[in-house]
Amino acid sequence: MQDKINKYLLNTLILITILAIIYFIIRAFFIDVERIVFFTICLIISLLFLSTIFYLKFKNVKLQSNFLIFFFSSVISLYLLEIMMFKLNYNKSHFQFLENIRAAKINKIDFDDRNIYEFYKYFKNAKNKNSVLAMSRTQVSFENKITQTLGGIGNKETILCNEMGYWVTYKSDRFGFNNPDELWDKKLDVLIIGDSYGLGLCVNQDQNFAGAIRKKNKKSVTLGGTGMGTLFEYAIFREYAKNIDADNLVFLFLLNDLDNLTSELSNPILLNYLNNNKFSQNLALNQKELNIKLEEKLIEHIKTKEFLTLRRIIKFHHTRDALRSIFNKEDTNKIFSKFKIDEKKLQIVIEIFKKVENEFSGNLYIGYLPLSAEYMFKENEKKLLRTMSNEVINKFKENNLDVIDFRLVLDKMEINEVIPFGDIVRAENHYTPKGFKIISNQILEYIYK
């Protein structure tokens, strides 16, 4: 009887391992370097495991039983560890949102505490059935190759975010960015490229940098997306700025853009923009097809969201993240850990800005945005961040880059005027509408001085 049970379990493990090997073979050819390495290692381990099981099939019952006891007890222990890591990481991944809810209660401000999926379901049913979620940095399969998208889904009511108590939505332009679409057909006074600050988290479309500038009777659009660094933003410039006739370009920069370069430099598609001046994915020309691909990916994500947590646990997602943070010093050496500028990455940023300067026909300005942490940390840490900011700005100026230092206006304001809930929140919020407005005014004053 024991022999039959052992054989059944071993055969089941063989089948599962073969399926895993097929999966790892497929994923081992994925374009991202980090994932190529990860899935190749998984493939090798799976092949070794398969060999071990085949070896045990022809051994005695006691050896098979001991192996199966060891294997299943190890798996159970690992999954108990993964569940514990999931619980520890849950509040961390929702930290900013939970912090804003806490701060709103302290200030006795109403706060819509529905998560983005709950609000998305409500908005589609009650407001606009064709609405979508904001998407950026998404990879899709297009024309038998992987395409790195940079904008979102075009001409759609788009759900963005909630930092101040209310969910922000906007009607995207033809390329999925946060602008009125008709501006693409006009000559612009100011073009803005950036990350989530450029996108306008979490204010209405007419309150972000470009929107505030438009209120001053200047034509302006903003091209940006969440979590983007300088190389992503340069790719946006290469793909879309050539479709815009603009007199001035404000290219936003924050200290954490240096951290973002770590993952960006491992993305072969983004590296093509850096190393090949003629490279293009022709995203603007293929937007109609990309809209379809992005909507398909969003629908698939929404349909499976209830299973995402379970799938991540099955794949030891949280445990792997913890191990990566321990062993991958490159990823964890954030600017806040040592308060030190990575000179090599800074030089790459300067190289990118010089490329933009040569390729853009108008005037280029580097808009230096301080992190909100520069106003919220302890005094000694504030000074260290301020020193880092000064170091970066001086490097830019040494390379003849024209810098607009937004600290000059932010330093004059009370923190709760420009950052939601001020220093009550222990997280990196973006700006209030007033914060976006005063910076936009500074941009105009600097350009048209």
Protein backbone atom coordinates (compact mmCIF):
# COMPACT_ATOMS: atom_id res chain seq x y z
CA MET A 1 0.00 0.00 0.00
CA GLN A 2 2.76 2.41 0.95
CA ASP A 3 4.56 1.56 -2.27
CA LYS A 4 1.47 2.49 -4.34
CA ILE A 5 1.04 5.79 -2.48
CA ASN A 6 4.71 6.64 -3.03
CA LYS A 7 4.51 5.83 -6.74
CA TYR A 8 1.35 7.91 -7.12
CA LEU A 9 2.90 10.92 -5.39
CA LEU A 10 6.14 10.59 -7.33
CA ASN A 11 4.28 10.36 -10.65
CA THR A 12 2.22 13.41 -9.70
CA LEU A 13 5.41 15.34 -8.90
CA ILE A 14 6.89 14.27 -12.25
CA LEU A 15 3.86 15.62 -14.10
CA ILE A 16 3.86 18.90 -12.16
CA THR A 17 7.61 19.32 -12.65
CA ILE A 18 7.35 18.74 -16.42
CA LEU A 19 4.62 21.38 -16.65
CA ALA A 20 6.80 23.74 -14.61
CA ILE A 21 9.76 23.10 -16.92
CA ILE A 22 7.64 23.96 -19.97
CA TYR A 23 6.53 27.18 -18.25
CA PHE A 24 10.08 28.15 -17.27
CA ILE A 25 11.37 27.44 -20.80
CA ILE A 26 8.78 29.87 -22.19
CA ARG A 27 9.48 32.55 -19.59
CA ALA A 28 13.27 32.14 -19.79
CA PHE A 29 13.16 33.94 -23.15
CA PHE A 30 11.37 36.98 -21.75
CA ILE A 31 13.06 40.27 -22.66
CA ASP A 32 13.75 41.56 -19.16
CA VAL A 33 17.29 40.58 -18.11
CA GLU A 34 16.41 40.04 -14.45
CA ARG A 35 13.56 37.70 -15.37
CA ILE A 36 15.70 35.82 -17.88
CA VAL A 37 18.17 35.02 -15.09
CA PHE A 38 15.42 34.13 -12.60
CA PHE A 39 13.51 31.76 -14.90
CA THR A 40 16.72 30.16 -16.19
CA ILE A 41 17.72 29.33 -12.60
CA CYS A 42 14.21 27.96 -11.96
CA LEU A 43 14.52 25.84 -15.11
CA ILE A 44 17.82 24.32 -13.98
CA ILE A 45 16.48 23.58 -10.48
CA SER A 46 13.36 21.95 -11.98
CA LEU A 47 15.45 19.71 -14.23
CA LEU A 48 17.55 18.62 -11.26
CA PHE A 49 14.40 17.95 -9.25
CA LEU A 50 12.94 15.90 -12.12
CA SER A 51 16.12 13.82 -12.28
CA THR A 52 15.95 13.22 -8.53
CA ILE A 53 12.36 11.98 -8.72
CA PHE A 54 13.14 9.60 -11.59
CA TYR A 55 16.07 8.26 -9.57
CA LEU A 56 13.86 7.66 -6.52
CA LYS A 57 11.20 5.82 -8.56
CA PHE A 58 13.53 2.84 -8.76
CA LYS A 59 14.66 2.85 -5.14
CA ASN A 60 13.20 1.22 -2.03
CA VAL A 61 9.97 2.28 -0.32
CA LYS A 62 11.70 3.64 2.80
CA LEU A 63 13.91 6.02 0.79
CA GLN A 64 10.89 7.19 -1.23
CA SER A 65 8.85 7.75 1.95
CA ASN A 66 11.62 9.73 3.62
CA PHE A 67 12.00 11.90 0.54
CA LEU A 68 8.26 12.58 0.30
CA ILE A 69 8.01 13.40 4.02
CA PHE A 70 10.96 15.79 3.72
CA PHE A 71 9.63 17.35 0.51
CA PHE A 72 6.05 18.00 1.65
CA SER A 73 7.08 19.20 5.12
CA SER A 74 9.50 21.64 3.45
CA VAL A 75 6.82 22.89 1.06
CA ILE A 76 4.33 23.39 3.90
CA SER A 77 6.95 25.27 5.94
CA LEU A 78 7.82 27.51 2.98
CA TYR A 79 4.17 28.36 2.36
CA LEU A 80 3.63 29.16 6.04
CA LEU A 81 6.60 31.54 5.72
CA GLU A 82 5.10 33.03 2.54
CA ILE A 83 1.73 33.64 4.23
CA MET A 84 3.51 35.36 7.10
CA MET A 85 5.47 37.55 4.64
CA PHE A 86 2.22 38.37 2.82
CA LYS A 87 0.62 39.59 6.04
CA LEU A 88 3.69 41.64 6.91
CA ASN A 89 3.84 43.19 3.43
CA TYR A 90 0.13 43.93 3.03
CA ASN A 91 0.13 47.10 5.10
CA LYS A 92 3.45 48.11 3.57
CA SER A 93 2.07 47.94 0.02
CA HIS A 94 -0.99 49.95 1.06
CA PHE A 95 0.98 52.21 3.38
CA GLN A 96 0.43 55.51 1.59
CA PHE A 97 -3.32 55.00 1.17
CA LEU A 98 -3.75 53.89 4.80
CA GLU A 99 -1.66 56.82 6.00
CA ASN A 100 -3.84 59.28 4.09
CA ILE A 101 -6.98 57.74 5.58
CA ARG A 102 -5.44 58.08 9.05
CA ALA A 103 -4.47 61.72 8.41
CA ALA A 104 -7.94 62.54 7.09
CA LYS A 105 -9.50 61.19 10.31
CA ILE A 106 -7.14 63.34 12.38
CA ASN A 107 -8.15 66.41 10.35
CA LYS A 108 -11.83 65.35 10.36
CA ILE A 109 -11.92 65.29 6.55
CA ASP A 110 -14.15 62.91 4.60
CA PHE A 111 -12.08 60.32 2.75
CA ASP A 112 -13.33 57.83 0.15
CA ASP A 113 -11.66 54.69 1.47
CA ARG A 114 -12.75 52.41 -1.38
CA ASN A 115 -9.76 50.79 -3.04
CA ILE A 116 -9.16 51.38 -6.73
CA TYR A 117 -10.93 48.17 -7.82
CA GLU A 118 -14.01 48.95 -5.76
CA PHE A 119 -14.15 52.47 -7.17
CA TYR A 120 -13.52 51.18 -10.70
CA LYS A 121 -16.48 48.80 -10.43
CA TYR A 122 -18.70 51.59 -9.07
CA PHE A 123 -17.57 54.10 -11.71
CA LYS A 124 -18.18 51.72 -14.62
CA ASN A 125 -21.67 50.89 -13.35
CA ALA A 126 -22.74 54.39 -12.29
CA LYS A 127 -20.77 56.83 -14.45
CA ASN A 128 -19.05 55.49 -17.55
CA LYS A 129 -19.14 51.85 -18.62
CA ASN A 130 -16.18 52.43 -20.98
CA SER A 131 -13.86 53.81 -18.31
CA VAL A 132 -10.40 52.32 -17.71
CA LEU A 133 -7.63 52.39 -15.14
CA ALA A 134 -4.51 54.49 -15.71
CA MET A 135 -1.79 52.37 -17.30
CA SER A 136 1.87 53.17 -17.91
CA ARG A 137 5.06 51.16 -18.44
CA THR A 138 3.00 48.19 -19.66
CA GLN A 139 4.50 45.54 -21.92
CA VAL A 140 2.27 43.93 -24.55
CA SER A 141 2.79 41.46 -27.36
CA PHE A 142 2.38 43.25 -30.69
CA GLU A 143 3.30 42.02 -34.18
CA ASN A 144 5.03 38.95 -32.73
CA LYS A 145 7.31 40.92 -30.43
CA ILE A 146 7.23 42.57 -27.02
CA THR A 147 6.35 46.25 -27.11
CA GLN A 148 7.06 48.61 -24.22
CA THR A 149 4.13 51.02 -24.06
CA LEU A 150 4.67 54.47 -22.57
CA GLY A 151 1.24 56.06 -22.58
CA GLY A 152 -2.15 54.72 -21.59
CA ILE A 153 -5.37 53.85 -23.41
CA GLY A 154 -6.34 56.69 -25.73
CA ASN A 155 -9.57 58.72 -25.57
CA LYS A 156 -10.95 57.03 -22.47
CA GLU A 157 -12.30 58.23 -19.15
CA THR A 158 -9.44 57.12 -16.93
CA ILE A 159 -9.38 56.46 -13.18
CA LEU A 160 -6.17 57.81 -11.69
CA CYS A 161 -5.73 57.90 -7.91
CA ASN A 162 -6.84 59.19 -4.51
CA GLU A 163 -4.52 61.02 -2.13
CA MET A 164 -6.71 63.84 -0.80
CA GLY A 165 -9.92 61.95 -0.11
CA TYR A 166 -11.54 61.82 -3.55
CA TRP A 167 -10.88 59.69 -6.60
CA VAL A 168 -9.47 61.60 -9.58
CA THR A 169 -10.44 60.73 -13.15
CA TYR A 170 -9.55 62.32 -16.48
CA LYS A 171 -10.34 61.97 -20.18
CA SER A 172 -7.14 60.78 -21.84
CA ASP A 173 -5.86 62.21 -25.11
CA ARG A 174 -5.30 60.19 -28.29
CA PHE A 175 -2.11 58.64 -26.89
CA GLY A 176 -3.44 57.94 -23.40
CA PHE A 177 -1.81 60.89 -21.63
CA ASN A 178 -3.52 63.30 -19.23
CA ASN A 179 -4.33 66.16 -21.64
CA PRO A 180 -7.21 67.59 -23.68
CA ASP A 181 -6.80 65.82 -27.03
CA GLU A 182 -7.18 68.88 -29.28
CA LEU A 183 -3.87 70.32 -28.06
CA TRP A 184 -1.96 67.79 -30.17
CA ASP A 185 -3.05 69.73 -33.26
CA LYS A 186 -1.77 73.08 -32.00
CA LYS A 187 1.57 74.76 -31.50
CA LEU A 188 2.50 74.60 -27.82
CA ASP A 189 4.13 77.10 -25.56
CA VAL A 190 5.25 74.57 -22.94
CA LEU A 191 5.73 70.80 -23.13
CA ILE A 192 6.27 68.97 -19.83
CA ILE A 193 7.77 65.47 -19.51
CA GLY A 194 7.98 63.68 -16.18
CA ASP A 195 6.87 60.85 -13.94
CA SER A 196 3.82 60.76 -11.66
CA TYR A 197 4.32 64.44 -10.89
CA GLY A 198 4.22 65.15 -14.61
CA LEU A 199 1.13 62.97 -14.96
CA GLY A 200 -0.55 64.95 -12.20
CA LEU A 201 -1.10 62.61 -9.24
CA CYS A 202 -3.60 63.13 -7.64
CA VAL A 203 -5.28 66.30 -8.95
CA ASN A 204 -7.78 67.03 -11.70
CA GLN A 205 -6.62 67.51 -15.27
CA ASP A 206 -6.90 71.29 -15.14
CA GLN A 207 -4.89 71.38 -11.90
CA ASN A 208 -1.69 69.57 -12.90
CA PHE A 209 1.34 71.48 -14.20
CA ALA A 210 0.11 71.74 -17.78
CA GLY A 211 -3.47 72.45 -16.70
CA ALA A 212 -2.37 75.30 -14.42
CA ILE A 213 -0.22 76.71 -17.24
CA ARG A 214 -3.19 76.59 -19.62
CA LYS A 215 -5.14 78.75 -17.16
CA LYS A 216 -2.49 81.41 -17.83
CA ASN A 217 -3.43 81.39 -21.53
CA LYS A 218 -0.44 79.30 -22.57
CA LYS A 219 -0.89 76.09 -24.53
CA SER A 220 0.68 73.18 -22.65
CA VAL A 221 0.57 69.38 -22.47
CA THR A 222 2.22 66.95 -20.09
CA LEU A 223 3.62 63.52 -20.97
CA GLY A 224 4.29 61.26 -18.02
CA GLY A 225 3.40 58.13 -16.12
CA THR A 226 3.70 56.63 -12.66
CA GLY A 227 6.99 55.09 -11.59
CA MET A 228 8.95 56.41 -14.54
CA GLY A 229 12.55 57.55 -14.38
CA THR A 230 14.68 59.56 -16.78
CA LEU A 231 15.22 56.77 -19.31
CA PHE A 232 11.50 55.99 -19.55
CA GLU A 233 10.84 59.71 -19.94
CA TYR A 234 13.48 59.97 -22.67
CA ALA A 235 11.69 57.16 -24.51
CA ILE A 236 8.48 59.22 -24.25
CA PHE A 237 10.33 62.19 -25.71
CA ARG A 238 11.62 60.11 -28.61
CA GLU A 239 8.26 58.51 -29.38
CA TYR A 240 5.89 61.47 -28.94
CA ALA A 241 7.68 64.84 -28.79
CA LYS A 242 8.39 64.65 -32.52
CA ASN A 243 4.61 64.92 -33.03
CA ILE A 244 4.50 68.17 -31.06
CA ASP A 245 5.53 71.65 -32.15
CA ALA A 246 6.59 73.32 -28.88
CA ASP A 247 8.72 76.32 -28.03
CA ASN A 248 9.80 75.10 -24.59
CA LEU A 249 10.34 71.73 -22.93
CA VAL A 250 10.44 71.31 -19.14
CA PHE A 251 11.96 67.92 -18.32
CA LEU A 252 11.20 67.06 -14.68
CA PHE A 253 13.76 65.41 -12.41
CA LEU A 254 13.65 64.04 -8.84
CA LEU A 255 16.34 62.32 -6.80
CA ASN A 256 14.49 59.00 -6.95
CA ASP A 257 14.91 59.02 -10.74
CA LEU A 258 18.44 57.80 -10.03
CA ASP A 259 16.98 54.74 -8.27
CA ASN A 260 14.60 54.09 -11.16
CA LEU A 261 17.58 53.78 -13.51
CA THR A 262 18.49 50.46 -11.86
CA SER A 263 15.53 48.65 -13.41
CA GLU A 264 15.43 50.83 -16.54
CA LEU A 265 18.98 49.91 -17.51
CA SER A 266 18.01 46.22 -17.38
CA ASN A 267 15.22 46.78 -19.92
CA PRO A 268 16.63 46.04 -23.41
CA ILE A 269 13.94 48.10 -25.16
CA LEU A 270 14.75 51.20 -23.11
CA LEU A 271 18.47 50.63 -23.67
CA ASN A 272 17.84 50.84 -27.41
CA TYR A 273 16.73 54.45 -26.98
CA LEU A 274 19.94 55.21 -25.10
CA ASN A 275 22.29 53.44 -27.50
CA ASN A 276 20.62 53.94 -30.88
CA ASN A 277 19.61 57.46 -31.94
CA LYS A 278 17.40 56.05 -34.71
CA PHE A 279 15.53 53.47 -32.64
CA SER A 280 11.74 53.76 -32.40
CA GLN A 281 8.84 51.45 -31.59
CA ASN A 282 6.51 53.70 -33.64
CA LEU A 283 4.07 53.83 -30.75
CA ALA A 284 2.20 56.90 -32.00
CA LEU A 285 1.56 55.28 -35.38
CA ASN A 286 0.25 52.08 -33.77
CA GLN A 287 -1.86 53.64 -30.99
CA LYS A 288 -5.13 52.16 -32.27
CA GLU A 289 -3.75 48.63 -32.10
CA LEU A 290 -2.03 49.33 -28.77
CA ASN A 291 -5.34 50.56 -27.31
CA ILE A 292 -6.84 47.15 -28.08
CA LYS A 293 -3.88 45.30 -26.54
CA LEU A 294 -3.90 47.47 -23.42
CA GLU A 295 -7.65 47.06 -22.92
CA GLU A 296 -7.29 43.29 -23.30
CA LYS A 297 -4.54 43.30 -20.68
CA LEU A 298 -6.61 45.46 -18.33
CA ILE A 299 -9.69 43.24 -18.71
CA GLU A 300 -7.57 40.15 -18.04
CA HIS A 301 -6.09 41.82 -14.97
CA ILE A 302 -9.49 42.85 -13.60
CA LYS A 303 -10.97 39.40 -14.20
CA THR A 304 -8.12 37.70 -12.38
CA LYS A 305 -7.55 40.27 -9.63
CA GLU A 306 -9.37 38.11 -7.08
CA PHE A 307 -6.85 35.37 -7.78
CA LEU A 308 -3.77 37.61 -7.87
CA THR A 309 -3.10 37.30 -4.15
CA LEU A 310 -3.36 33.51 -4.25
CA ARG A 311 -1.22 33.35 -7.39
CA ARG A 312 1.46 35.49 -5.77
CA ILE A 313 1.46 33.27 -2.69
CA ILE A 314 1.75 30.14 -4.84
CA LYS A 315 4.76 31.70 -6.60
CA PHE A 316 6.40 32.74 -3.28
CA HIS A 317 6.24 36.36 -4.44
CA HIS A 318 6.62 37.93 -1.00
CA THR A 319 9.38 35.61 0.16
CA ARG A 320 11.31 36.22 -3.06
CA ASP A 321 10.96 39.98 -2.57
CA ALA A 322 12.35 39.65 0.94
CA LEU A 323 15.32 37.60 -0.30
CA ARG A 324 15.93 40.06 -3.13
CA SER A 325 16.06 42.92 -0.67
CA ILE A 326 18.68 41.04 1.36
CA PHE A 327 20.98 39.86 -1.44
CA ASN A 328 20.44 42.43 -4.21
CA LYS A 329 22.27 45.41 -2.77
CA GLU A 330 21.89 47.35 -6.01
CA ASP A 331 18.11 47.39 -5.69
CA THR A 332 18.02 48.18 -1.98
CA ASN A 333 20.67 50.89 -1.96
CA LYS A 334 18.09 53.64 -2.22
CA ILE A 335 19.04 57.26 -1.82
CA PHE A 336 17.48 57.34 1.66
CA SER A 337 19.67 54.51 2.96
CA LYS A 338 23.04 56.20 2.57
CA PHE A 339 22.10 59.68 1.37
CA LYS A 340 24.71 59.40 -1.34
CA ILE A 341 24.51 60.21 -5.06
CA ASP A 342 25.39 57.44 -7.50
CA GLU A 343 27.79 59.33 -9.77
CA LYS A 344 27.56 56.81 -12.63
CA LYS A 345 23.78 57.02 -12.76
CA LEU A 346 23.88 60.80 -12.51
CA GLN A 347 26.24 60.88 -15.49
CA ILE A 348 23.78 58.75 -17.49
CA VAL A 349 20.99 61.22 -16.62
CA ILE A 350 23.16 64.11 -17.81
CA GLU A 351 23.93 62.19 -21.02
CA ILE A 352 20.20 61.76 -21.62
CA PHE A 353 19.50 65.46 -21.02
CA LYS A 354 22.26 66.42 -23.47
CA LYS A 355 20.68 64.11 -26.05
CA VAL A 356 17.33 65.83 -25.53
CA GLU A 357 19.00 69.22 -25.84
CA ASN A 358 20.47 68.22 -29.21
CA GLU A 359 17.26 66.64 -30.51
CA PHE A 360 14.71 69.25 -29.37
CA SER A 361 14.36 72.33 -31.54
CA GLY A 362 13.11 74.61 -28.76
CA ASN A 363 14.42 75.59 -25.33
CA LEU A 364 15.15 72.86 -22.78
CA TYR A 365 14.75 73.41 -19.04
CA ILE A 366 15.38 70.84 -16.29
CA GLY A 367 12.62 71.21 -13.68
CA TYR A 368 14.11 70.10 -10.36
CA LEU A 369 11.41 68.74 -8.05
CA PRO A 370 12.32 68.11 -4.40
CA LEU A 371 10.95 64.96 -2.83
CA SER A 372 8.31 65.67 -0.21
CA ALA A 373 10.63 63.85 2.20
CA GLU A 374 12.91 66.87 1.94
CA TYR A 375 10.28 68.74 3.96
CA MET A 376 9.08 65.91 6.20
CA PHE A 377 12.18 64.11 7.48
CA LYS A 378 14.07 64.93 10.66
CA GLU A 379 16.26 68.02 10.46
CA ASN A 380 19.57 66.19 9.98
CA GLU A 381 18.03 64.06 7.20
CA LYS A 382 16.52 67.15 5.58
CA LYS A 383 19.98 68.69 5.47
CA LEU A 384 21.44 65.57 3.87
CA LEU A 385 18.72 65.54 1.20
CA ARG A 386 19.21 69.24 0.60
CA THR A 387 22.94 68.68 0.16
CA MET A 388 22.22 65.92 -2.36
CA SER A 389 19.83 68.19 -4.24
CA ASN A 390 22.44 70.94 -4.40
CA GLU A 391 25.04 68.46 -5.64
CA VAL A 392 22.79 67.28 -8.47
CA ILE A 393 21.75 70.78 -9.51
CA ASN A 394 25.39 71.93 -9.56
CA LYS A 395 26.29 68.98 -11.78
CA PHE A 396 23.51 69.92 -14.17
CA LYS A 397 24.69 73.52 -14.31
CA GLU A 398 28.32 72.45 -14.83
CA ASN A 399 27.07 70.70 -17.97
CA ASN A 400 25.33 73.89 -19.15
CA LEU A 401 21.83 72.61 -18.45
CA ASP A 402 19.28 75.29 -17.60
CA VAL A 403 17.71 74.33 -14.26
CA ILE A 404 14.46 75.61 -12.73
CA ASP A 405 14.80 74.91 -9.01
CA PHE A 406 11.26 74.48 -7.69
CA ARG A 407 12.53 74.53 -4.11
CA LEU A 408 12.76 78.31 -4.43
CA VAL A 409 8.96 78.61 -4.31
CA LEU A 410 8.16 75.53 -2.22
CA ASP A 411 10.48 76.67 0.58
CA LYS A 412 8.29 79.73 1.08
CA MET A 413 5.11 77.71 1.61
CA GLU A 414 3.70 75.87 4.61
CA ILE A 415 4.08 72.12 4.08
CA ASN A 416 0.33 71.42 4.46
CA GLU A 417 -0.37 73.93 1.66
CA VAL A 418 1.62 72.04 -0.96
CA ILE A 419 1.59 68.40 0.26
CA PRO A 420 -1.69 66.64 1.18
CA PHE A 421 -2.05 66.45 4.97
CA GLY A 422 1.43 67.92 5.44
CA ASP A 423 3.86 66.11 7.72
CA ILE A 424 1.10 64.14 9.45
CA VAL A 425 1.51 61.56 6.70
CA ARG A 426 4.63 59.39 6.86
CA ALA A 427 4.55 58.65 3.13
CA GLU A 428 5.56 60.23 -0.17
CA ASN A 429 2.45 62.12 -1.30
CA HIS A 430 2.43 64.33 -4.37
CA TYR A 431 1.29 67.97 -4.46
CA THR A 432 -1.97 69.70 -3.69
CA PRO A 433 -3.60 71.78 -6.45
CA LYS A 434 -1.95 74.82 -4.85
CA GLY A 435 1.44 73.12 -4.99
CA PHE A 436 1.04 72.38 -8.69
CA LYS A 437 -0.14 75.94 -9.28
CA ILE A 438 2.76 77.77 -7.65
CA ILE A 439 5.30 75.57 -9.48
CA SER A 440 3.50 76.19 -12.78
CA ASN A 441 3.65 79.93 -12.13
CA GLN A 442 7.38 79.62 -11.47
CA ILE A 443 7.84 77.79 -14.78
CA LEU A 444 6.14 80.60 -16.69
CA GLU A 445 8.02 83.32 -14.82
CA TYR A 446 11.35 81.60 -15.50
CA ILE A 447 10.71 80.92 -19.18
CA TYR A 448 9.24 84.31 -19.97
CA LYS A 449 11.40 86.39 -17.63
